[in-house]
């Protein structure tokens, strides 16, 4: 029985990150900062934030 499920996206991303090992601490810091910047952008994206007439019920 063969299962042709798609591979886990998080696992694929982790493998990709491990392929790009930073040589110096500065490069490692830059890679981490880039990841944080991408996360911050996605949080400030209009599609992912609440509209003014909506409210966050999880507060």
C-alpha atoms as a PDB file:
ATOM      1  CA  UNK A   1       0.000   0.000   0.000  1.00  0.00           C
ATOM      2  CA  UNK A   2       1.587   3.247  -1.114  1.00  0.00           C
ATOM      3  CA  UNK A   3       0.532   6.593   0.239  1.00  0.00           C
ATOM      4  CA  UNK A   4       1.069   9.544  -2.112  1.00  0.00           C
ATOM      5  CA  UNK A   5       0.389  12.308   0.417  1.00  0.00           C
ATOM      6  CA  UNK A   6       2.023  15.685  -0.017  1.00  0.00           C
ATOM      7  CA  UNK A   7       5.099  16.245   2.164  1.00  0.00           C
ATOM      8  CA  UNK A   8       4.739  18.485   5.198  1.00  0.00           C
ATOM      9  CA  UNK A   9       5.382  22.117   4.219  1.00  0.00           C
ATOM     10  CA  UNK A  10       7.007  22.978   7.561  1.00  0.00           C
ATOM     11  CA  UNK A  11       9.352  20.022   7.237  1.00  0.00           C
ATOM     12  CA  UNK A  12      10.274  21.063   3.695  1.00  0.00           C
ATOM     13  CA  UNK A  13      11.012  24.616   4.891  1.00  0.00           C
ATOM     14  CA  UNK A  14      13.202  23.290   7.698  1.00  0.00           C
ATOM     15  CA  UNK A  15      15.165  21.136   5.264  1.00  0.00           C
ATOM     16  CA  UNK A  16      15.616  24.144   2.968  1.00  0.00           C
ATOM     17  CA  UNK A  17      16.908  26.213   5.897  1.00  0.00           C
ATOM     18  CA  UNK A  18      19.370  23.483   6.835  1.00  0.00           C
ATOM     19  CA  UNK A  19      20.660  23.463   3.257  1.00  0.00           C
ATOM     20  CA  UNK A  20      21.648  27.125   3.659  1.00  0.00           C
ATOM     21  CA  UNK A  21      23.926  26.904   6.685  1.00  0.00           C
ATOM     22  CA  UNK A  22      25.294  30.289   7.692  1.00  0.00           C
ATOM     23  CA  UNK A  23      29.061  30.559   7.594  1.00  0.00           C
ATOM     24  CA  UNK A  24      29.398  33.384  10.100  1.00  0.00           C
ATOM     25  CA  UNK A  25      27.323  34.634  12.998  1.00  0.00           C
ATOM     26  CA  UNK A  26      26.539  37.778  10.995  1.00  0.00           C
ATOM     27  CA  UNK A  27      25.058  35.705   8.164  1.00  0.00           C
ATOM     28  CA  UNK A  28      23.044  33.672  10.681  1.00  0.00           C
ATOM     29  CA  UNK A  29      21.724  36.901  12.202  1.00  0.00           C
ATOM     30  CA  UNK A  30      20.773  38.250   8.767  1.00  0.00           C
ATOM     31  CA  UNK A  31      18.914  35.037   7.900  1.00  0.00           C
ATOM     32  CA  UNK A  32      16.991  35.180  11.188  1.00  0.00           C
ATOM     33  CA  UNK A  33      16.176  38.880  10.688  1.00  0.00           C
ATOM     34  CA  UNK A  34      14.865  38.158   7.192  1.00  0.00           C
ATOM     35  CA  UNK A  35      12.566  35.479   8.619  1.00  0.00           C
ATOM     36  CA  UNK A  36      11.297  37.868  11.303  1.00  0.00           C
ATOM     37  CA  UNK A  37      10.718  40.615   8.715  1.00  0.00           C
ATOM     38  CA  UNK A  38       8.627  38.261   6.576  1.00  0.00           C
ATOM     39  CA  UNK A  39       6.527  37.311   9.615  1.00  0.00           C
ATOM     40  CA  UNK A  40       6.078  40.978  10.567  1.00  0.00           C
ATOM     41  CA  UNK A  41       4.972  41.824   7.014  1.00  0.00           C
ATOM     42  CA  UNK A  42       2.408  39.053   7.028  1.00  0.00           C
ATOM     43  CA  UNK A  43       1.007  40.347  10.310  1.00  0.00           C
ATOM     44  CA  UNK A  44       0.608  43.858   8.915  1.00  0.00           C
ATOM     45  CA  UNK A  45      -0.964  42.627   5.685  1.00  0.00           C
ATOM     46  CA  UNK A  46      -4.518  43.913   5.143  1.00  0.00           C
ATOM     47  CA  UNK A  47      -5.789  40.450   4.262  1.00  0.00           C
ATOM     48  CA  UNK A  48      -4.727  38.954   7.578  1.00  0.00           C
ATOM     49  CA  UNK A  49      -5.673  41.738   9.983  1.00  0.00           C
ATOM     50  CA  UNK A  50      -9.091  42.559  11.345  1.00  0.00           C
ATOM     51  CA  UNK A  51     -11.169  45.183   9.613  1.00  0.00           C
ATOM     52  CA  UNK A  52     -12.268  48.210  11.619  1.00  0.00           C
ATOM     53  CA  UNK A  53     -15.852  46.913  11.859  1.00  0.00           C
ATOM     54  CA  UNK A  54     -14.700  43.469  13.044  1.00  0.00           C
ATOM     55  CA  UNK A  55     -13.455  42.753  16.505  1.00  0.00           C
ATOM     56  CA  UNK A  56     -11.059  40.206  17.897  1.00  0.00           C
ATOM     57  CA  UNK A  57     -13.106  37.804  20.007  1.00  0.00           C
ATOM     58  CA  UNK A  58     -10.000  36.104  21.378  1.00  0.00           C
ATOM     59  CA  UNK A  59      -8.895  39.042  23.546  1.00  0.00           C
END
